[in-house]
Amino acid sequence: MRYTVIDAPSAGGLALLVNQAIADGWRPQGGVSVAVPPGDGGSGPHYYQAMVRGGGPDPLAAAVAEAAEEMGGVPAAPPDAN
């Protein structure tokens, strides 16, 4: 398994970089971290996202599949409210 951390000076910039990494086969690992360096001189927060690649199946996808199996399969989509 490979691990990296993506960082950006804005939430939008981080979203763009994370989406590009996902398209390249990376998966987000955990949530976004935001840090404001002490005495940052007005540079503002910095955004971080851990990413993983390889190493087998996505554990969240496996947990969802297991839960669906325990419930007798994936429930049908809700009817259209219109």
Protein backbone atom coordinates (compact mmCIF):
# COMPACT_ATOMS: atom_id res chain seq x y z
CA MET A 1 0.00 0.00 0.00
CA ARG A 2 1.19 3.49 -0.80
CA TYR A 3 0.37 6.56 1.29
CA THR A 4 0.62 10.26 0.55
CA VAL A 5 -0.75 13.53 1.88
CA ILE A 6 -2.16 16.18 -0.45
CA ASP A 7 -2.17 19.77 0.73
CA ALA A 8 -3.59 23.02 -0.61
CA PRO A 9 -4.10 26.59 0.60
CA SER A 10 -7.89 26.44 0.00
CA ALA A 11 -10.71 23.92 0.39
CA GLY A 12 -11.55 24.25 -3.30
CA GLY A 13 -7.95 23.68 -4.30
CA LEU A 14 -7.80 20.59 -2.11
CA ALA A 15 -11.02 19.25 -3.65
CA LEU A 16 -9.55 19.66 -7.13
CA LEU A 17 -6.33 17.85 -6.20
CA VAL A 18 -8.16 15.06 -4.37
CA ASN A 19 -10.49 14.50 -7.33
CA GLN A 20 -7.49 14.29 -9.64
CA ALA A 21 -5.85 11.77 -7.32
CA ILE A 22 -9.05 9.68 -7.17
CA ALA A 23 -9.11 9.62 -10.98
CA ASP A 24 -5.52 8.29 -10.81
CA GLY A 25 -6.50 5.41 -8.51
CA TRP A 26 -5.92 6.94 -5.06
CA ARG A 27 -8.53 6.75 -2.25
CA PRO A 28 -9.06 9.30 0.54
CA GLN A 29 -8.08 7.93 3.94
CA GLY A 30 -9.88 9.61 6.82
CA GLY A 31 -11.12 13.17 6.86
CA VAL A 32 -9.70 16.53 5.91
CA SER A 33 -7.36 18.27 8.34
CA VAL A 34 -7.16 22.05 8.54
CA ALA A 35 -4.26 23.83 10.19
CA VAL A 36 -3.42 27.47 10.76
CA PRO A 37 0.28 27.83 11.48
CA PRO A 38 1.00 29.96 14.56
CA GLY A 39 2.15 33.41 13.57
CA ASP A 40 1.15 32.66 9.98
CA GLY A 41 1.34 36.31 8.98
CA GLY A 42 -2.12 36.23 7.47
CA SER A 43 -1.54 33.27 5.16
CA GLY A 44 -4.66 31.58 6.54
CA PRO A 45 -5.53 27.91 6.92
CA HIS A 46 -3.97 25.07 4.99
CA TYR A 47 -5.97 21.93 4.04
CA TYR A 48 -4.66 18.34 4.08
CA GLN A 49 -6.04 14.98 2.91
CA ALA A 50 -4.35 11.61 3.38
CA MET A 51 -4.61 9.31 0.34
CA VAL A 52 -3.86 5.60 -0.10
CA ARG A 53 -3.35 3.42 -3.16
CA GLY A 54 -3.10 -0.33 -3.59
CA GLY A 55 -3.10 -2.88 -0.82
CA GLY A 56 -6.38 -4.61 -1.54
CA PRO A 57 -10.04 -3.70 -1.46
CA ASP A 58 -11.47 -0.56 0.05
CA PRO A 59 -12.40 -1.46 3.67
CA LEU A 60 -15.43 0.86 3.63
CA ALA A 61 -16.78 -0.75 0.45
CA ALA A 62 -16.27 -4.18 2.03
CA ALA A 63 -18.15 -3.12 5.19
CA VAL A 64 -21.04 -1.71 3.13
CA ALA A 65 -21.26 -4.91 1.08
CA GLU A 66 -21.24 -7.02 4.24
CA ALA A 67 -24.01 -4.92 5.83
CA ALA A 68 -26.10 -5.14 2.65
CA GLU A 69 -25.69 -8.91 2.61
CA GLU A 70 -26.81 -9.13 6.24
CA MET A 71 -29.94 -7.12 5.33
CA GLY A 72 -30.78 -9.46 2.47
CA GLY A 73 -29.31 -7.42 -0.36
CA VAL A 74 -29.11 -3.81 -1.37
CA PRO A 75 -32.43 -2.01 -0.84
CA ALA A 76 -34.16 -0.56 -3.87
CA ALA A 77 -33.87 3.17 -4.52
CA PRO A 78 -36.64 5.18 -2.87
CA PRO A 79 -39.56 6.11 -5.13
CA ASP A 80 -39.43 9.44 -6.88
CA ALA A 81 -41.05 12.09 -4.68
CA ASN A 82 -42.54 13.92 -7.66
